[in-house]
PDB file of N, CA and C in Angstrom:
ATOM      1  N   UNK A   1       4.678 -15.269  -3.955  1.00  0.00           N
ATOM      2  CA  UNK A   1       6.358 -15.614  -3.029  1.00  0.00           C
ATOM      3  C   UNK A   1       6.446 -16.920  -2.004  1.00  0.00           C
ATOM      4  N   UNK A   2       7.452 -17.552  -2.075  1.00  0.00           N
ATOM      5  CA  UNK A   2       7.418 -18.508  -1.269  1.00  0.00           C
ATOM      6  C   UNK A   2       7.999 -17.933   0.930  1.00  0.00           C
ATOM      7  N   UNK A   3       6.906 -19.153   0.817  1.00  0.00           N
ATOM      8  CA  UNK A   3       6.633 -18.734   2.859  1.00  0.00           C
ATOM      9  C   UNK A   3       8.333 -18.276   3.426  1.00  0.00           C
ATOM     10  N   UNK A   4       8.837 -19.815   2.575  1.00  0.00           N
ATOM     11  CA  UNK A   4      10.297 -19.142   3.493  1.00  0.00           C
ATOM     12  C   UNK A   4      10.628 -17.434   3.599  1.00  0.00           C
ATOM     13  N   UNK A   5      10.700 -17.186   1.765  1.00  0.00           N
ATOM     14  CA  UNK A   5      11.497 -16.191   1.859  1.00  0.00           C
ATOM     15  C   UNK A   5      10.359 -15.010   2.512  1.00  0.00           C
ATOM     16  N   UNK A   6       8.970 -14.778   2.385  1.00  0.00           N
ATOM     17  CA  UNK A   6       8.656 -13.899   3.954  1.00  0.00           C
ATOM     18  C   UNK A   6       9.198 -13.537   4.989  1.00  0.00           C
ATOM     19  N   UNK A   7       9.284 -14.860   5.368  1.00  0.00           N
ATOM     20  CA  UNK A   7       9.077 -15.350   7.110  1.00  0.00           C
ATOM     21  C   UNK A   7      11.358 -14.625   7.287  1.00  0.00           C
ATOM     22  N   UNK A   8      11.770 -14.779   6.095  1.00  0.00           N
ATOM     23  CA  UNK A   8      13.344 -14.725   6.182  1.00  0.00           C
ATOM     24  C   UNK A   8      13.191 -13.371   6.679  1.00  0.00           C
ATOM     25  N   UNK A   9      12.990 -12.416   5.505  1.00  0.00           N
ATOM     26  CA  UNK A   9      12.677 -11.009   5.466  1.00  0.00           C
ATOM     27  C   UNK A   9      12.265 -10.258   6.119  1.00  0.00           C
ATOM     28  N   UNK A  10      10.807 -11.109   7.036  1.00  0.00           N
ATOM     29  CA  UNK A  10       9.982  -9.993   7.699  1.00  0.00           C
ATOM     30  C   UNK A  10       9.462  -9.187   7.307  1.00  0.00           C
ATOM     31  N   UNK A  11       8.768  -9.340   5.460  1.00  0.00           N
ATOM     32  CA  UNK A  11       7.639  -8.873   5.918  1.00  0.00           C
ATOM     33  C   UNK A  11       6.697  -9.642   4.687  1.00  0.00           C
ATOM     34  N   UNK A  12       5.229  -9.231   4.782  1.00  0.00           N
ATOM     35  CA  UNK A  12       4.525  -9.934   3.841  1.00  0.00           C
ATOM     36  C   UNK A  12       3.806  -9.295   2.335  1.00  0.00           C
ATOM     37  N   UNK A  13       3.734 -10.717   2.077  1.00  0.00           N
ATOM     38  CA  UNK A  13       3.107 -10.129   0.260  1.00  0.00           C
ATOM     39  C   UNK A  13       2.233 -10.326   0.205  1.00  0.00           C
ATOM     40  N   UNK A  14       1.763  -8.524  -0.309  1.00  0.00           N
ATOM     41  CA  UNK A  14       0.184  -7.731  -0.449  1.00  0.00           C
ATOM     42  C   UNK A  14      -0.041  -7.330  -1.722  1.00  0.00           C
ATOM     43  N   UNK A  15      -1.292  -7.837  -1.722  1.00  0.00           N
ATOM     44  CA  UNK A  15      -1.748  -6.816  -3.479  1.00  0.00           C
ATOM     45  C   UNK A  15      -2.955  -5.454  -3.269  1.00  0.00           C
ATOM     46  N   UNK A  16      -2.841  -5.123  -4.054  1.00  0.00           N
ATOM     47  CA  UNK A  16      -4.085  -3.781  -4.506  1.00  0.00           C
ATOM     48  C   UNK A  16      -4.081  -3.182  -5.052  1.00  0.00           C
ATOM     49  N   UNK A  17      -5.591  -2.338  -5.435  1.00  0.00           N
ATOM     50  CA  UNK A  17      -5.811  -2.209  -6.248  1.00  0.00           C
ATOM     51  C   UNK A  17      -5.972  -0.414  -5.956  1.00  0.00           C
ATOM     52  N   UNK A  18      -5.909   0.301  -7.162  1.00  0.00           N
ATOM     53  CA  UNK A  18      -5.659   1.524  -7.781  1.00  0.00           C
ATOM     54  C   UNK A  18      -7.609   1.973  -8.376  1.00  0.00           C
ATOM     55  N   UNK A  19      -8.990   2.274  -8.386  1.00  0.00           N
ATOM     56  CA  UNK A  19      -9.552   2.645  -9.194  1.00  0.00           C
ATOM     57  C   UNK A  19     -10.525   4.272  -8.771  1.00  0.00           C
ATOM     58  N   UNK A  20     -11.614   4.247  -9.608  1.00  0.00           N
ATOM     59  CA  UNK A  20     -11.659   5.431  -9.603  1.00  0.00           C
ATOM     60  C   UNK A  20     -13.034   5.430  -9.259  1.00  0.00           C
ATOM     61  N   UNK A  21     -13.361   5.416  -8.315  1.00  0.00           N
ATOM     62  CA  UNK A  21     -15.301   4.341  -8.025  1.00  0.00           C
ATOM     63  C   UNK A  21     -16.161   5.092  -7.716  1.00  0.00           C
ATOM     64  N   UNK A  22     -15.908   6.241  -8.431  1.00  0.00           N
ATOM     65  CA  UNK A  22     -16.745   7.249  -8.936  1.00  0.00           C
ATOM     66  C   UNK A  22     -17.741   7.546 -10.154  1.00  0.00           C
ATOM     67  N   UNK A  23     -16.677   5.760 -10.631  1.00  0.00           N
ATOM     68  CA  UNK A  23     -17.932   5.987 -12.052  1.00  0.00           C
ATOM     69  C   UNK A  23     -18.924   4.470 -12.131  1.00  0.00           C
ATOM     70  N   UNK A  24     -19.516   4.330 -13.036  1.00  0.00           N
ATOM     71  CA  UNK A  24     -20.260   3.038 -12.507  1.00  0.00           C
ATOM     72  C   UNK A  24     -19.899   2.038 -12.722  1.00  0.00           C
ATOM     73  N   UNK A  25     -20.347   0.489 -12.105  1.00  0.00           N
ATOM     74  CA  UNK A  25     -19.852  -0.547 -11.861  1.00  0.00           C
ATOM     75  C   UNK A  25     -19.376  -1.173 -13.147  1.00  0.00           C
ATOM     76  N   UNK A  26     -18.109  -1.832 -13.707  1.00  0.00           N
ATOM     77  CA  UNK A  26     -17.957  -1.948 -14.949  1.00  0.00           C
ATOM     78  C   UNK A  26     -16.982  -1.110 -15.966  1.00  0.00           C
ATOM     79  N   UNK A  27     -17.570  -0.190 -15.733  1.00  0.00           N
ATOM     80  CA  UNK A  27     -16.898   0.743 -16.277  1.00  0.00           C
ATOM     81  C   UNK A  27     -15.382   1.109 -16.319  1.00  0.00           C
ATOM     82  N   UNK A  28     -14.958   1.417 -15.025  1.00  0.00           N
ATOM     83  CA  UNK A  28     -13.913   2.027 -15.136  1.00  0.00           C
ATOM     84  C   UNK A  28     -12.727   0.855 -15.003  1.00  0.00           C
ATOM     85  N   UNK A  29     -11.664   1.540 -14.643  1.00  0.00           N
ATOM     86  CA  UNK A  29     -10.158   1.040 -15.248  1.00  0.00           C
ATOM     87  C   UNK A  29      -9.725   0.942 -13.954  1.00  0.00           C
ATOM     88  N   UNK A  30      -8.082  -0.409 -13.642  1.00  0.00           N
ATOM     89  CA  UNK A  30      -8.195   0.016 -12.416  1.00  0.00           C
ATOM     90  C   UNK A  30      -6.624  -0.522 -12.652  1.00  0.00           C
ATOM     91  N   UNK A  31      -5.300  -0.279 -11.653  1.00  0.00           N
ATOM     92  CA  UNK A  31      -4.287  -0.944 -11.878  1.00  0.00           C
ATOM     93  C   UNK A  31      -4.202  -1.477 -10.686  1.00  0.00           C
ATOM     94  N   UNK A  32      -3.538  -2.922 -10.462  1.00  0.00           N
ATOM     95  CA  UNK A  32      -3.372  -3.652  -9.428  1.00  0.00           C
ATOM     96  C   UNK A  32      -1.835  -4.005  -9.127  1.00  0.00           C
ATOM     97  N   UNK A  33      -1.548  -4.197  -8.215  1.00  0.00           N
ATOM     98  CA  UNK A  33      -0.277  -4.785  -8.111  1.00  0.00           C
ATOM     99  C   UNK A  33       0.083  -5.400  -6.917  1.00  0.00           C
ATOM    100  N   UNK A  34       1.396  -6.049  -7.364  1.00  0.00           N
ATOM    101  CA  UNK A  34       2.041  -6.873  -6.178  1.00  0.00           C
ATOM    102  C   UNK A  34       2.952  -6.060  -5.398  1.00  0.00           C
ATOM    103  N   UNK A  35       2.459  -6.826  -4.332  1.00  0.00           N
ATOM    104  CA  UNK A  35       3.844  -5.643  -3.333  1.00  0.00           C
ATOM    105  C   UNK A  35       4.439  -6.650  -1.842  1.00  0.00           C
ATOM    106  N   UNK A  36       5.368  -5.877  -1.473  1.00  0.00           N
ATOM    107  CA  UNK A  36       6.016  -6.117  -0.340  1.00  0.00           C
ATOM    108  C   UNK A  36       5.412  -5.504   0.814  1.00  0.00           C
ATOM    109  N   UNK A  37       4.899  -5.957   2.277  1.00  0.00           N
ATOM    110  CA  UNK A  37       4.370  -4.931   2.909  1.00  0.00           C
ATOM    111  C   UNK A  37       5.531  -4.482   3.400  1.00  0.00           C
ATOM    112  N   UNK A  38       5.915  -3.934   4.751  1.00  0.00           N
ATOM    113  CA  UNK A  38       6.357  -3.769   5.918  1.00  0.00           C
ATOM    114  C   UNK A  38       6.200  -3.102   6.754  1.00  0.00           C
ATOM    115  N   UNK A  39       6.537  -3.531   8.330  1.00  0.00           N
ATOM    116  CA  UNK A  39       6.247  -2.278   9.211  1.00  0.00           C
ATOM    117  C   UNK A  39       7.256  -1.711   9.275  1.00  0.00           C
ATOM    118  N   UNK A  40       7.117  -0.453   8.271  1.00  0.00           N
ATOM    119  CA  UNK A  40       8.730   0.530   8.430  1.00  0.00           C
ATOM    120  C   UNK A  40       7.538   1.934   9.460  1.00  0.00           C
ATOM    121  N   UNK A  41       7.833   1.381  10.932  1.00  0.00           N
ATOM    122  CA  UNK A  41       6.467   2.669  11.594  1.00  0.00           C
ATOM    123  C   UNK A  41       7.558   4.105  12.027  1.00  0.00           C
ATOM    124  N   UNK A  42       9.001   3.923  12.272  1.00  0.00           N
ATOM    125  CA  UNK A  42       9.580   5.389  12.542  1.00  0.00           C
ATOM    126  C   UNK A  42       9.641   6.273  11.410  1.00  0.00           C
ATOM    127  N   UNK A  43      10.044   5.493   9.988  1.00  0.00           N
ATOM    128  CA  UNK A  43      10.103   6.184   8.868  1.00  0.00           C
ATOM    129  C   UNK A  43       9.089   6.722   8.690  1.00  0.00           C
ATOM    130  N   UNK A  44       7.517   6.012   8.882  1.00  0.00           N
ATOM    131  CA  UNK A  44       6.594   6.469   8.373  1.00  0.00           C
ATOM    132  C   UNK A  44       5.530   7.962   9.416  1.00  0.00           C
ATOM    133  N   UNK A  45       6.348   7.202  10.422  1.00  0.00           N
ATOM    134  CA  UNK A  45       5.587   8.320  11.708  1.00  0.00           C
ATOM    135  C   UNK A  45       6.463   9.785  11.074  1.00  0.00           C
ATOM    136  N   UNK A  46       7.588   9.558  10.824  1.00  0.00           N
ATOM    137  CA  UNK A  46       8.206  11.111  10.828  1.00  0.00           C
ATOM    138  C   UNK A  46       8.093  11.513   9.286  1.00  0.00           C
ATOM    139  N   UNK A  47       7.514  10.769   8.637  1.00  0.00           N
ATOM    140  CA  UNK A  47       6.674  11.462   7.269  1.00  0.00           C
ATOM    141  C   UNK A  47       5.487  12.205   7.196  1.00  0.00           C
ATOM    142  N   UNK A  48       4.259  11.046   8.256  1.00  0.00           N
ATOM    143  CA  UNK A  48       2.886  11.509   8.741  1.00  0.00           C
ATOM    144  C   UNK A  48       3.216  12.940   9.212  1.00  0.00           C
ATOM    145  N   UNK A  49       4.084  13.067  10.314  1.00  0.00           N
ATOM    146  CA  UNK A  49       3.796  14.161  10.740  1.00  0.00           C
ATOM    147  C   UNK A  49       4.519  15.309  10.062  1.00  0.00           C
ATOM    148  N   UNK A  50       5.381  15.377   9.980  1.00  0.00           N
ATOM    149  CA  UNK A  50       5.902  16.633   8.658  1.00  0.00           C
ATOM    150  C   UNK A  50       4.923  16.955   8.025  1.00  0.00           C
ATOM    151  N   UNK A  51       3.868  16.074   8.185  1.00  0.00           N
ATOM    152  CA  UNK A  51       3.012  16.589   6.804  1.00  0.00           C
ATOM    153  C   UNK A  51       2.213  16.838   7.554  1.00  0.00           C
ATOM    154  N   UNK A  52       1.242  16.349   8.647  1.00  0.00           N
ATOM    155  CA  UNK A  52       0.446  17.074   9.407  1.00  0.00           C
ATOM    156  C   UNK A  52       0.760  18.419  10.317  1.00  0.00           C
ATOM    157  N   UNK A  53       2.054  18.418  10.851  1.00  0.00           N
ATOM    158  CA  UNK A  53       2.272  19.623  11.259  1.00  0.00           C
ATOM    159  C   UNK A  53       2.103  20.703  10.736  1.00  0.00           C
ATOM    160  N   UNK A  54       2.965  20.584   9.413  1.00  0.00           N
ATOM    161  CA  UNK A  54       2.905  21.713   7.803  1.00  0.00           C
ATOM    162  C   UNK A  54       1.638  22.440   7.592  1.00  0.00           C
ATOM    163  N   UNK A  55       0.585  21.198   7.910  1.00  0.00           N
ATOM    164  CA  UNK A  55      -1.122  21.320   7.646  1.00  0.00           C
ATOM    165  C   UNK A  55      -1.656  22.167   9.128  1.00  0.00           C
ATOM    166  N   UNK A  56      -0.698  22.491   9.740  1.00  0.00           N
ATOM    167  CA  UNK A  56      -1.144  23.142  11.199  1.00  0.00           C
ATOM    168  C   UNK A  56      -2.181  22.113  12.256  1.00  0.00           C
ATOM    169  N   UNK A  57      -1.919  20.970  11.783  1.00  0.00           N
ATOM    170  CA  UNK A  57      -2.363  19.490  12.612  1.00  0.00           C
ATOM    171  C   UNK A  57      -0.935  18.895  13.419  1.00  0.00           C
ATOM    172  N   UNK A  58      -1.391  18.251  14.483  1.00  0.00           N
ATOM    173  CA  UNK A  58      -0.455  18.044  15.480  1.00  0.00           C
ATOM    174  C   UNK A  58      -0.109  16.945  14.541  1.00  0.00           C
ATOM    175  N   UNK A  59       1.282  15.901  15.490  1.00  0.00           N
ATOM    176  CA  UNK A  59       2.484  15.108  14.942  1.00  0.00           C
ATOM    177  C   UNK A  59       2.198  13.733  15.167  1.00  0.00           C
ATOM    178  N   UNK A  60       2.840  13.299  14.907  1.00  0.00           N
ATOM    179  CA  UNK A  60       1.767  11.409  15.110  1.00  0.00           C
ATOM    180  C   UNK A  60       3.145  10.514  16.510  1.00  0.00           C
ATOM    181  N   UNK A  61       2.266   9.523  16.649  1.00  0.00           N
ATOM    182  CA  UNK A  61       3.844   8.862  18.175  1.00  0.00           C
ATOM    183  C   UNK A  61       3.417   7.395  17.071  1.00  0.00           C
ATOM    184  N   UNK A  62       4.708   6.979  17.551  1.00  0.00           N
ATOM    185  CA  UNK A  62       4.123   5.464  17.983  1.00  0.00           C
ATOM    186  C   UNK A  62       2.948   4.845  18.376  1.00  0.00           C
ATOM    187  N   UNK A  63       2.133   5.618  19.325  1.00  0.00           N
ATOM    188  CA  UNK A  63       1.149   5.678  20.041  1.00  0.00           C
ATOM    189  C   UNK A  63      -0.272   5.951  19.370  1.00  0.00           C
ATOM    190  N   UNK A  64      -0.251   5.949  18.454  1.00  0.00           N
ATOM    191  CA  UNK A  64      -0.991   6.581  17.175  1.00  0.00           C
ATOM    192  C   UNK A  64      -1.597   5.066  16.815  1.00  0.00           C
ATOM    193  N   UNK A  65      -0.481   4.484  16.135  1.00  0.00           N
ATOM    194  CA  UNK A  65      -0.618   3.274  15.132  1.00  0.00           C
ATOM    195  C   UNK A  65      -0.225   2.157  15.639  1.00  0.00           C
ATOM    196  N   UNK A  66      -0.526   1.928  17.515  1.00  0.00           N
ATOM    197  CA  UNK A  66       0.015   0.779  18.232  1.00  0.00           C
ATOM    198  C   UNK A  66      -0.729   0.761  19.046  1.00  0.00           C
ATOM    199  N   UNK A  67      -1.085  -0.686  19.239  1.00  0.00           N
ATOM    200  CA  UNK A  67      -2.191  -1.423  20.932  1.00  0.00           C
ATOM    201  C   UNK A  67      -3.432  -1.040  20.273  1.00  0.00           C
ATOM    202  N   UNK A  68      -4.367  -0.313  21.748  1.00  0.00           N
ATOM    203  CA  UNK A  68      -6.131   0.095  21.068  1.00  0.00           C
ATOM    204  C   UNK A  68      -6.227   0.468  19.821  1.00  0.00           C
ATOM    205  N   UNK A  69      -4.978   1.500  19.749  1.00  0.00           N
ATOM    206  CA  UNK A  69      -5.169   2.835  18.504  1.00  0.00           C
ATOM    207  C   UNK A  69      -5.745   2.582  17.281  1.00  0.00           C
ATOM    208  N   UNK A  70      -7.072   3.325  16.452  1.00  0.00           N
ATOM    209  CA  UNK A  70      -8.074   2.239  15.354  1.00  0.00           C
ATOM    210  C   UNK A  70      -7.083   2.757  14.599  1.00  0.00           C
ATOM    211  N   UNK A  71      -6.194   2.991  14.322  1.00  0.00           N
ATOM    212  CA  UNK A  71      -5.276   3.375  13.263  1.00  0.00           C
ATOM    213  C   UNK A  71      -3.992   2.487  13.022  1.00  0.00           C
ATOM    214  N   UNK A  72      -3.021   2.431  11.943  1.00  0.00           N
ATOM    215  CA  UNK A  72      -2.279   1.475  11.197  1.00  0.00           C
ATOM    216  C   UNK A  72      -1.379   1.607  10.674  1.00  0.00           C
ATOM    217  N   UNK A  73      -0.193   1.709  10.304  1.00  0.00           N
ATOM    218  CA  UNK A  73       0.968   2.366   9.394  1.00  0.00           C
ATOM    219  C   UNK A  73       1.525   1.489   8.839  1.00  0.00           C
ATOM    220  N   UNK A  74       0.999   0.757   7.822  1.00  0.00           N
ATOM    221  CA  UNK A  74       2.146  -0.304   6.960  1.00  0.00           C
ATOM    222  C   UNK A  74       3.100   0.328   4.997  1.00  0.00           C
ATOM    223  N   UNK A  75       3.404   0.299   4.684  1.00  0.00           N
ATOM    224  CA  UNK A  75       4.483   0.854   4.121  1.00  0.00           C
ATOM    225  C   UNK A  75       4.185  -0.847   2.540  1.00  0.00           C
ATOM    226  N   UNK A  76       3.850  -0.475   1.801  1.00  0.00           N
ATOM    227  CA  UNK A  76       3.725  -1.843   0.525  1.00  0.00           C
ATOM    228  C   UNK A  76       4.552  -0.918  -0.526  1.00  0.00           C
ATOM    229  N   UNK A  77       5.535  -1.306  -1.029  1.00  0.00           N
ATOM    230  CA  UNK A  77       6.537  -1.441  -2.272  1.00  0.00           C
ATOM    231  C   UNK A  77       5.875  -2.213  -3.580  1.00  0.00           C
ATOM    232  N   UNK A  78       6.115  -1.735  -4.699  1.00  0.00           N
ATOM    233  CA  UNK A  78       4.968  -2.728  -5.705  1.00  0.00           C
ATOM    234  C   UNK A  78       6.524  -3.038  -6.399  1.00  0.00           C
ATOM    235  N   UNK A  79       5.812  -4.264  -6.681  1.00  0.00           N
ATOM    236  CA  UNK A  79       6.850  -5.221  -7.073  1.00  0.00           C
ATOM    237  C   UNK A  79       6.508  -5.716  -8.552  1.00  0.00           C
ATOM    238  N   UNK A  80       5.321  -5.389  -8.368  1.00  0.00           N
ATOM    239  CA  UNK A  80       5.208  -5.584  -9.848  1.00  0.00           C
ATOM    240  C   UNK A  80       3.341  -5.137 -10.280  1.00  0.00           C
ATOM    241  N   UNK A  81       3.159  -4.260 -11.531  1.00  0.00           N
ATOM    242  CA  UNK A  81       1.876  -3.541 -11.325  1.00  0.00           C
ATOM    243  C   UNK A  81       1.745  -4.457 -13.318  1.00  0.00           C
ATOM    244  N   UNK A  82       0.224  -4.215 -12.719  1.00  0.00           N
ATOM    245  CA  UNK A  82      -0.916  -5.302 -13.993  1.00  0.00           C
ATOM    246  C   UNK A  82      -1.923  -4.907 -14.941  1.00  0.00           C
ATOM    247  N   UNK A  83      -2.784  -4.696 -15.783  1.00  0.00           N
ATOM    248  CA  UNK A  83      -4.273  -3.833 -15.951  1.00  0.00           C
ATOM    249  C   UNK A  83      -4.652  -5.016 -16.597  1.00  0.00           C
ATOM    250  N   UNK A  84      -6.419  -5.055 -16.289  1.00  0.00           N
ATOM    251  CA  UNK A  84      -6.663  -6.339 -16.829  1.00  0.00           C
ATOM    252  C   UNK A  84      -7.413  -5.955 -18.628  1.00  0.00           C
ATOM    253  N   UNK A  85      -6.576  -7.228 -18.792  1.00  0.00           N
ATOM    254  CA  UNK A  85      -7.442  -7.762 -20.671  1.00  0.00           C
ATOM    255  C   UNK A  85      -8.799  -7.646 -20.766  1.00  0.00           C
ATOM    256  N   UNK A  86      -9.136  -7.389 -22.267  1.00  0.00           N
ATOM    257  CA  UNK A  86     -10.764  -7.669 -23.065  1.00  0.00           C
ATOM    258  C   UNK A  86     -11.498  -8.712 -21.480  1.00  0.00           C
ATOM    259  N   UNK A  87     -10.430 -10.023 -21.573  1.00  0.00           N
ATOM    260  CA  UNK A  87     -11.479 -11.415 -20.701  1.00  0.00           C
ATOM    261  C   UNK A  87     -10.757 -11.212 -19.538  1.00  0.00           C
ATOM    262  N   UNK A  88     -10.335 -10.062 -18.991  1.00  0.00           N
ATOM    263  CA  UNK A  88      -9.750 -10.262 -17.916  1.00  0.00           C
ATOM    264  C   UNK A  88      -8.495 -11.113 -17.239  1.00  0.00           C
ATOM    265  N   UNK A  89      -8.066 -11.353 -18.159  1.00  0.00           N
ATOM    266  CA  UNK A  89      -6.588 -11.563 -17.606  1.00  0.00           C
ATOM    267  C   UNK A  89      -5.851 -10.484 -17.884  1.00  0.00           C
ATOM    268  N   UNK A  90      -4.283 -10.787 -16.681  1.00  0.00           N
ATOM    269  CA  UNK A  90      -3.216  -9.494 -16.385  1.00  0.00           C
ATOM    270  C   UNK A  90      -2.895  -9.876 -17.750  1.00  0.00           C
ATOM    271  N   UNK A  91      -2.448  -8.319 -17.681  1.00  0.00           N
ATOM    272  CA  UNK A  91      -1.477  -7.784 -18.093  1.00  0.00           C
ATOM    273  C   UNK A  91      -0.072  -6.717 -18.158  1.00  0.00           C
ATOM    274  N   UNK A  92       1.240  -7.977 -17.813  1.00  0.00           N
ATOM    275  CA  UNK A  92       1.759  -6.847 -17.090  1.00  0.00           C
ATOM    276  C   UNK A  92       1.862  -5.748 -17.440  1.00  0.00           C
ATOM    277  N   UNK A  93       2.531  -4.615 -17.163  1.00  0.00           N
ATOM    278  CA  UNK A  93       2.832  -2.832 -17.273  1.00  0.00           C
ATOM    279  C   UNK A  93       4.250  -2.877 -16.476  1.00  0.00           C
ATOM    280  N   UNK A  94       5.063  -2.447 -17.754  1.00  0.00           N
ATOM    281  CA  UNK A  94       6.693  -2.481 -17.555  1.00  0.00           C
ATOM    282  C   UNK A  94       6.254  -0.781 -16.965  1.00  0.00           C
ATOM    283  N   UNK A  95       6.807  -0.203 -15.807  1.00  0.00           N
ATOM    284  CA  UNK A  95       7.061   1.153 -15.896  1.00  0.00           C
ATOM    285  C   UNK A  95       8.735   1.252 -15.990  1.00  0.00           C
ATOM    286  N   UNK A  96       9.084   2.359 -17.041  1.00  0.00           N
ATOM    287  CA  UNK A  96      10.124   2.774 -17.267  1.00  0.00           C
ATOM    288  C   UNK A  96      11.173   2.649 -18.163  1.00  0.00           C
TER     289      UNK A  96
END
């Protein structure tokens, strides 16, 4: 993503991977994603608070994810999905 579009959108490009860490190294598979990450704090806190309270734990507030707090809350919306081919080349995965 071009830097200018990141600055205009207020979001940063991000990447992520989902894999099974319980299998021996070199024998697993993973899904890799390109994404746009954003700071959707209010909506995220509301979602996490509802789930936390439904399980009998306390609610969350902005103070739980800002300032000196150890945790941060971000949202990433996947914009591309890949798996690795035989020679570690990226193979696009089309969803839907």
